Amino acid sequence: MEAILLVGGQGTRLRPLTISTPKPLLPTAGVPFLAHQLARARAAGVDRIVFATSYRAEMFEAAFGTRAHGVDLVYLTEDEPLGTGGAIRNAARGLTCGPDDPVLILNGDILSGHDVQAQVAAHEKAGAAATLHLTPVDDPSRFGCVPTDEDGRVTAFLEKTPHPVTDQINAGCYVFRRSAIDAIPAERVVSVERETFPEMIASGAVVMGYVEPGYWLDVGTPEAFVQGSRDLVEGRLASPAMPGEPGERLELDGARVSPGAVVRDGTTVGRGAAVEAGATVLGSVLLDEAHVEEGATVRDSVVGRHAKVGPGAVLDGVVLGDGAVVGPGNELRGGLRVWPGVELPATALRFSTDA
């Protein structure tokens, strides 16, 4: 089976991490995020994937080459962003399957544990033009919702509303019949959510919903990115691409954690990164060569490559860009983002009074 992987977005919600690295390539539980998707796709029977690229397109082939995790890889780039439907249509130029074959569509910022093979089987059993993975959520008002009838056929695509008619949302993984992809208009911006799927339903095409409530996460925000990495490290979601066994923390090659440090809650300690005695790092991502000094506390945060957290400093829900330095005694909280290379002198920022 072939697949198309949508990886064209700029990842603006994850800046400054995505200034130099596309979101799907950010290290997540020790490997580029896409490695988890490639490995899971292979396990589901995918043997060839077409990357739909745009932002920093050259970095994807540099990262994965023409084959990775048992999957052959092809790369097609949009000269101008074409939206979800336009990107799928553009990438279809790289497919080799026939018009009635199923094509899996994966979204480059979704971490999902659902049964892809079962979704494909449901698609083929129904003879559908397209089959969407739908997942129930506690607060569907934050998303567009997708109602289905008693047979599982999608009846509408509804925009965000304070009074949703269902708790089922579009989880971003689709199975298309190849001929349905070829019917998407070429070389223009198209949204599958606002145009393609509603038009298919209006025309009488069979659009099915495959509902599964398993693990699902959009990793597009810093909070979700940290959560996704933490969940993989702790084993809440299994991934064949994990470079270690599930546990309290993941230490990569060359990482140094002092016996006097506390590092747990699914933290990843990157290659060459260091955590000194008396430091506490909880549920965080330390990228390669990051340095957390004595007595510092890092919680639910990302510390960029070669970044440094000084003695006694506190990071709580913070993104620290590559090469940034937080001097001693600073206290950063509440979603604060420090851009690459910025240096904060001692006690420059605090969210509470000095003891």
Protein backbone atom coordinates (compact mmCIF):
# COMPACT_ATOMS: atom_id res chain seq x y z
CA MET A 1 0.00 0.00 0.00
CA GLU A 2 1.10 3.55 -0.74
CA ALA A 3 0.67 6.62 1.44
CA ILE A 4 0.97 10.40 1.20
CA LEU A 5 2.48 12.21 4.18
CA LEU A 6 1.55 15.89 4.56
CA VAL A 7 4.56 17.77 5.95
CA GLY A 8 4.35 21.20 4.29
CA GLY A 9 3.39 23.42 7.25
CA GLN A 10 5.68 26.02 8.78
CA GLY A 11 4.94 25.02 12.38
CA THR A 12 4.44 28.60 13.56
CA ARG A 13 2.77 27.47 16.81
CA LEU A 14 6.02 25.74 17.79
CA ARG A 15 8.38 28.64 17.26
CA PRO A 16 11.21 29.17 18.05
CA LEU A 17 11.86 25.43 17.69
CA THR A 18 10.73 25.46 14.05
CA ILE A 19 12.77 28.46 12.92
CA SER A 20 15.53 26.14 11.75
CA THR A 21 13.79 22.75 11.77
CA PRO A 22 10.42 21.72 10.26
CA LYS A 23 7.98 20.58 12.93
CA PRO A 24 7.84 16.95 11.67
CA LEU A 25 11.63 16.66 12.10
CA LEU A 26 11.80 17.88 15.70
CA PRO A 27 13.32 15.27 18.01
CA THR A 28 10.47 13.49 19.78
CA ALA A 29 11.40 10.77 22.27
CA GLY A 30 14.87 10.66 20.80
CA VAL A 31 14.14 10.54 17.05
CA PRO A 32 12.59 12.87 14.46
CA PHE A 33 8.82 12.95 14.95
CA LEU A 34 8.24 11.44 11.51
CA ALA A 35 10.27 8.36 12.41
CA HIS A 36 7.40 7.25 14.63
CA GLN A 37 4.93 7.71 11.78
CA LEU A 38 7.11 5.91 9.25
CA ALA A 39 7.61 2.94 11.56
CA ARG A 40 3.91 2.69 12.39
CA ALA A 41 2.98 3.01 8.70
CA ARG A 42 5.31 0.14 7.84
CA ALA A 43 3.74 -1.97 10.59
CA ALA A 44 0.33 -1.25 8.99
CA GLY A 45 1.44 -2.56 5.60
CA VAL A 46 2.63 0.65 3.88
CA ASP A 47 5.69 0.07 1.70
CA ARG A 48 5.93 3.39 -0.18
CA ILE A 49 5.31 6.96 1.00
CA VAL A 50 5.19 10.20 -0.98
CA PHE A 51 6.19 13.20 1.13
CA ALA A 52 4.17 16.34 0.34
CA THR A 53 6.73 19.01 1.28
CA SER A 54 6.93 22.79 1.20
CA TYR A 55 8.67 24.53 4.14
CA ARG A 56 12.39 23.62 4.23
CA ALA A 57 11.63 20.79 1.85
CA GLU A 58 15.26 19.79 1.34
CA MET A 59 15.64 18.80 4.99
CA PHE A 60 13.28 15.83 4.73
CA GLU A 61 15.28 13.91 2.15
CA ALA A 62 18.47 14.82 3.99
CA ALA A 63 16.98 13.27 7.14
CA PHE A 64 15.51 10.06 5.69
CA GLY A 65 16.94 9.49 2.21
CA THR A 66 15.05 7.26 -0.21
CA ARG A 67 14.32 4.46 2.25
CA ALA A 68 13.79 4.44 6.01
CA HIS A 69 12.11 2.10 8.51
CA GLY A 70 11.46 -0.40 5.71
CA VAL A 71 9.55 2.11 3.53
CA ASP A 72 10.53 3.54 0.13
CA LEU A 73 10.32 7.34 0.15
CA VAL A 74 9.58 9.87 -2.62
CA TYR A 75 9.54 13.67 -2.22
CA LEU A 76 7.35 16.17 -4.07
CA THR A 77 7.42 19.88 -3.24
CA GLU A 78 4.75 22.58 -3.58
CA ASP A 79 6.12 25.81 -5.03
CA GLU A 80 3.27 27.63 -3.26
CA PRO A 81 1.19 26.27 -0.34
CA LEU A 82 -1.84 24.46 -1.80
CA GLY A 83 -3.86 23.58 1.31
CA THR A 84 -4.55 20.03 2.44
CA GLY A 85 -6.47 18.96 -0.67
CA GLY A 86 -4.10 20.70 -3.06
CA ALA A 87 -1.11 19.11 -1.36
CA ILE A 88 -2.66 15.64 -1.65
CA ARG A 89 -3.45 16.21 -5.32
CA ASN A 90 0.06 17.47 -6.03
CA ALA A 91 1.68 14.53 -4.23
CA ALA A 92 -0.48 12.06 -6.18
CA ARG A 93 1.91 12.58 -9.10
CA GLY A 94 4.29 10.33 -7.19
CA LEU A 95 1.85 7.45 -6.72
CA THR A 96 2.12 4.25 -8.77
CA CYS A 97 -1.10 2.45 -7.71
CA GLY A 98 -4.22 1.90 -9.79
CA PRO A 99 -7.44 3.99 -9.71
CA ASP A 100 -9.31 1.66 -7.34
CA ASP A 101 -6.46 1.11 -4.88
CA PRO A 102 -6.52 2.59 -1.37
CA VAL A 103 -4.08 5.41 -0.53
CA LEU A 104 -3.39 6.27 3.09
CA ILE A 105 -3.11 10.00 3.92
CA LEU A 106 -1.10 10.87 7.03
CA ASN A 107 -0.78 14.26 8.71
CA GLY A 108 2.73 15.24 9.76
CA ASP A 109 1.78 16.59 13.18
CA ILE A 110 -0.57 13.87 14.45
CA LEU A 111 0.50 11.21 16.91
CA SER A 112 -2.03 8.38 16.83
CA GLY A 113 -2.28 4.85 18.12
CA HIS A 114 -5.35 3.86 16.13
CA ASP A 115 -5.54 0.68 14.06
CA VAL A 116 -4.66 1.79 10.53
CA GLN A 117 -5.18 -1.68 9.08
CA ALA A 118 -8.71 -1.77 10.51
CA GLN A 119 -9.41 1.65 8.97
CA VAL A 120 -8.25 0.41 5.55
CA ALA A 121 -10.32 -2.77 5.92
CA ALA A 122 -13.43 -0.71 6.77
CA HIS A 123 -12.78 1.48 3.72
CA GLU A 124 -12.57 -1.47 1.36
CA LYS A 125 -15.54 -3.28 2.88
CA ALA A 126 -17.72 -0.20 2.33
CA GLY A 127 -16.40 0.43 -1.18
CA ALA A 128 -15.85 4.01 -0.03
CA ALA A 129 -14.37 6.91 -1.93
CA ALA A 130 -12.80 8.06 1.33
CA THR A 131 -12.71 6.87 4.95
CA LEU A 132 -11.76 9.17 7.80
CA HIS A 133 -10.40 8.27 11.18
CA LEU A 134 -12.70 9.94 13.71
CA THR A 135 -11.98 10.11 17.41
CA PRO A 136 -14.24 11.17 20.29
CA VAL A 137 -12.97 14.02 22.50
CA ASP A 138 -14.19 15.53 25.76
CA ASP A 139 -14.59 19.02 24.28
CA PRO A 140 -15.56 18.79 20.60
CA SER A 141 -16.40 22.52 20.53
CA ARG A 142 -12.67 23.17 20.05
CA PHE A 143 -12.73 21.28 16.75
CA GLY A 144 -14.86 20.78 13.68
CA CYS A 145 -17.07 17.76 14.31
CA VAL A 146 -18.08 14.97 11.95
CA PRO A 147 -21.44 13.23 12.49
CA THR A 148 -22.10 9.79 11.01
CA ASP A 149 -25.27 7.76 10.47
CA GLU A 150 -26.02 4.31 11.90
CA ASP A 151 -23.98 2.69 9.12
CA GLY A 152 -20.93 4.85 9.79
CA ARG A 153 -21.40 7.03 6.72
CA VAL A 154 -20.33 10.66 7.18
CA THR A 155 -23.31 13.00 6.90
CA ALA A 156 -21.68 16.43 7.31
CA PHE A 157 -18.58 18.44 8.20
CA LEU A 158 -19.43 21.05 10.82
CA GLU A 159 -17.27 24.00 11.80
CA LYS A 160 -16.46 24.79 15.43
CA THR A 161 -19.64 25.49 17.38
CA PRO A 162 -20.46 25.89 21.09
CA HIS A 163 -23.17 23.24 20.67
CA PRO A 164 -21.63 20.35 18.69
CA VAL A 165 -23.98 17.60 17.55
CA THR A 166 -21.40 14.86 18.16
CA ASP A 167 -18.18 14.32 20.08
CA GLN A 168 -16.51 12.85 16.98
CA ILE A 169 -13.77 14.96 15.40
CA ASN A 170 -11.68 14.60 12.27
CA ALA A 171 -8.46 12.95 13.48
CA GLY A 172 -6.48 13.74 10.32
CA CYS A 173 -5.83 10.27 8.89
CA TYR A 174 -7.68 9.35 5.68
CA VAL A 175 -7.93 6.47 3.25
CA PHE A 176 -8.78 7.64 -0.29
CA ARG A 177 -9.57 5.64 -3.37
CA ARG A 178 -6.89 6.76 -5.83
CA SER A 179 -9.50 7.94 -8.35
CA ALA A 180 -11.03 10.23 -5.69
CA ILE A 181 -7.65 11.91 -5.23
CA ASP A 182 -7.34 12.40 -8.99
CA ALA A 183 -10.72 14.20 -8.97
CA ILE A 184 -9.36 16.96 -6.70
CA PRO A 185 -8.64 20.10 -8.78
CA ALA A 186 -4.93 20.40 -9.59
CA GLU A 187 -2.58 23.35 -9.14
CA ARG A 188 -4.77 25.44 -6.86
CA VAL A 189 -5.47 25.79 -3.15
CA VAL A 190 -7.99 23.18 -1.97
CA SER A 191 -9.13 22.30 1.56
CA VAL A 192 -10.27 18.70 2.01
CA GLU A 193 -12.26 19.72 5.09
CA ARG A 194 -14.08 22.69 3.55
CA GLU A 195 -14.28 21.63 -0.10
CA THR A 196 -13.35 18.06 -0.97
CA PHE A 197 -15.27 16.10 1.66
CA PRO A 198 -18.43 18.28 1.63
CA GLU A 199 -18.52 18.12 -2.19
CA MET A 200 -18.06 14.35 -2.15
CA ILE A 201 -20.94 13.96 0.30
CA ALA A 202 -23.16 16.31 -1.72
CA SER A 203 -22.45 14.30 -4.87
CA GLY A 204 -23.54 11.05 -3.21
CA ALA A 205 -20.04 9.54 -2.95
CA VAL A 206 -19.55 7.14 -0.06
CA VAL A 207 -17.52 8.85 2.68
CA MET A 208 -17.15 6.69 5.76
CA GLY A 209 -16.09 7.39 9.32
CA TYR A 210 -13.87 4.92 11.12
CA VAL A 211 -14.37 5.69 14.81
CA GLU A 212 -11.70 4.60 17.27
CA PRO A 213 -11.09 6.31 20.63
CA GLY A 214 -7.45 5.26 21.12
CA TYR A 215 -4.46 7.53 21.74
CA TRP A 216 -4.55 10.67 19.59
CA LEU A 217 -2.65 13.96 19.88
CA ASP A 218 -2.05 16.99 17.68
CA VAL A 219 1.53 17.92 18.59
CA GLY A 220 1.33 21.39 17.04
CA THR A 221 1.77 23.38 20.29
CA PRO A 222 4.71 23.33 22.73
CA GLU A 223 2.55 21.81 25.45
CA ALA A 224 1.36 19.02 23.16
CA PHE A 225 4.84 18.45 21.73
CA VAL A 226 6.22 17.91 25.23
CA GLN A 227 3.27 15.68 26.11
CA GLY A 228 3.74 13.53 23.00
CA SER A 229 7.43 12.99 23.70
CA ARG A 230 6.69 12.21 27.34
CA ASP A 231 3.93 9.73 26.45
CA LEU A 232 6.24 7.86 24.08
CA VAL A 233 9.05 7.70 26.63
CA GLU A 234 6.72 6.43 29.35
CA GLY A 235 5.10 3.91 27.01
CA ARG A 236 1.59 5.33 26.87
CA LEU A 237 1.92 4.95 23.10
CA ALA A 238 4.09 2.21 21.63
CA SER A 239 6.37 3.08 18.72
CA PRO A 240 8.71 0.76 16.79
CA ALA A 241 11.02 3.76 16.31
CA MET A 242 11.73 4.29 20.01
CA PRO A 243 15.52 4.14 20.62
CA GLY A 244 15.08 2.64 24.10
CA GLU A 245 12.73 0.85 26.42
CA PRO A 246 9.83 2.77 28.03
CA GLY A 247 10.62 4.22 31.44
CA GLU A 248 10.98 7.32 33.59
CA ARG A 249 13.52 8.86 31.23
CA LEU A 250 15.31 8.32 27.93
CA GLU A 251 19.04 9.03 27.78
CA LEU A 252 20.62 9.23 24.33
CA ASP A 253 24.25 8.59 23.41
CA GLY A 254 26.67 10.76 25.38
CA ALA A 255 24.05 12.13 27.77
CA ARG A 256 25.32 12.78 31.29
CA VAL A 257 22.95 12.76 34.27
CA SER A 258 24.54 13.27 37.69
CA PRO A 259 23.63 10.71 40.36
CA GLY A 260 22.56 13.71 42.43
CA ALA A 261 20.02 14.92 39.87
CA VAL A 262 16.31 14.04 39.62
CA VAL A 263 15.30 13.30 36.03
CA ARG A 264 11.97 11.54 35.49
CA ASP A 265 8.34 11.78 34.28
CA GLY A 266 9.20 10.84 30.71
CA THR A 267 12.07 13.26 30.18
CA THR A 268 14.36 12.87 27.17
CA VAL A 269 18.02 13.79 27.66
CA GLY A 270 19.54 14.40 24.24
CA ARG A 271 22.91 13.40 22.84
CA GLY A 272 25.69 15.09 24.77
CA ALA A 273 23.25 16.87 27.06
CA ALA A 274 24.09 17.23 30.75
CA VAL A 275 22.13 17.51 33.99
CA GLU A 276 24.21 18.43 37.02
CA ALA A 277 23.87 17.44 40.66
CA GLY A 278 20.98 19.03 42.51
CA ALA A 279 19.05 19.79 39.31
CA THR A 280 15.49 18.55 38.75
CA VAL A 281 14.11 17.83 35.27
CA LEU A 282 10.51 16.61 35.04
CA GLY A 283 8.52 15.69 31.93
CA SER A 284 10.74 17.72 29.61
CA VAL A 285 12.73 17.49 26.38
CA LEU A 286 16.41 18.36 26.52
CA LEU A 287 17.78 18.51 22.99
CA ASP A 288 21.33 17.63 22.01
CA GLU A 289 24.10 19.35 24.01
CA ALA A 290 21.64 21.12 26.32
CA HIS A 291 23.00 21.85 29.81
CA VAL A 292 21.02 22.10 33.06
CA GLU A 293 23.26 23.34 35.85
CA GLU A 294 23.31 22.68 39.57
CA GLY A 295 20.10 23.42 41.46
CA ALA A 296 18.07 24.36 38.38
CA THR A 297 14.50 23.11 37.87
CA VAL A 298 13.04 22.31 34.43
CA ARG A 299 9.43 21.16 34.23
CA ASP A 300 7.22 20.50 31.16
CA SER A 301 9.66 22.45 28.99
CA VAL A 302 11.87 22.18 25.91
CA VAL A 303 15.53 23.16 26.19
CA GLY A 304 17.02 23.68 22.73
CA ARG A 305 20.30 22.48 21.29
CA HIS A 306 23.35 23.89 23.10
CA ALA A 307 21.05 25.93 25.36
CA LYS A 308 21.98 26.40 29.01
CA VAL A 309 19.90 26.71 32.18
CA GLY A 310 21.95 28.37 34.91
CA PRO A 311 22.24 27.44 38.60
CA GLY A 312 19.00 27.82 40.53
CA ALA A 313 17.00 28.91 37.49
CA VAL A 314 13.41 27.67 37.05
CA LEU A 315 11.71 26.78 33.75
CA ASP A 316 8.07 25.73 33.97
CA GLY A 317 6.19 25.31 30.68
CA VAL A 318 8.88 27.15 28.70
CA VAL A 319 10.50 26.78 25.27
CA LEU A 320 14.19 27.69 25.21
CA GLY A 321 15.56 28.15 21.70
CA ASP A 322 18.84 26.75 20.41
CA GLY A 323 21.87 28.32 22.06
CA ALA A 324 19.84 30.43 24.49
CA VAL A 325 21.23 30.99 27.98
CA VAL A 326 19.15 31.49 31.11
CA GLY A 327 21.34 32.99 33.83
CA PRO A 328 21.25 32.00 37.49
CA GLY A 329 18.13 32.76 39.50
CA ASN A 330 15.76 33.45 36.61
CA GLU A 331 12.22 32.12 36.90
CA LEU A 332 10.39 31.57 33.60
CA ARG A 333 6.84 30.24 33.50
CA GLY A 334 3.53 30.09 31.68
CA GLY A 335 4.41 29.42 28.04
CA LEU A 336 7.29 31.88 27.82
CA ARG A 337 9.46 31.41 24.72
CA VAL A 338 13.10 32.46 24.54
CA TRP A 339 14.45 32.91 21.02
CA PRO A 340 17.67 31.26 19.83
CA GLY A 341 20.90 32.82 21.05
CA VAL A 342 19.24 35.12 23.59
CA GLU A 343 21.13 35.41 26.90
CA LEU A 344 19.28 36.39 30.07
CA PRO A 345 21.56 37.74 32.82
CA ALA A 346 21.21 36.57 36.41
CA THR A 347 17.76 37.20 37.99
CA ALA A 348 16.57 39.16 34.93
CA LEU A 349 13.04 37.69 34.97
CA ARG A 350 10.98 36.35 37.86
CA PHE A 351 7.34 35.44 38.33
CA SER A 352 7.50 35.51 42.12
CA THR A 353 9.27 37.55 44.78
CA ASP A 354 12.68 36.57 46.02
CA ALA A 355 12.68 34.36 49.10
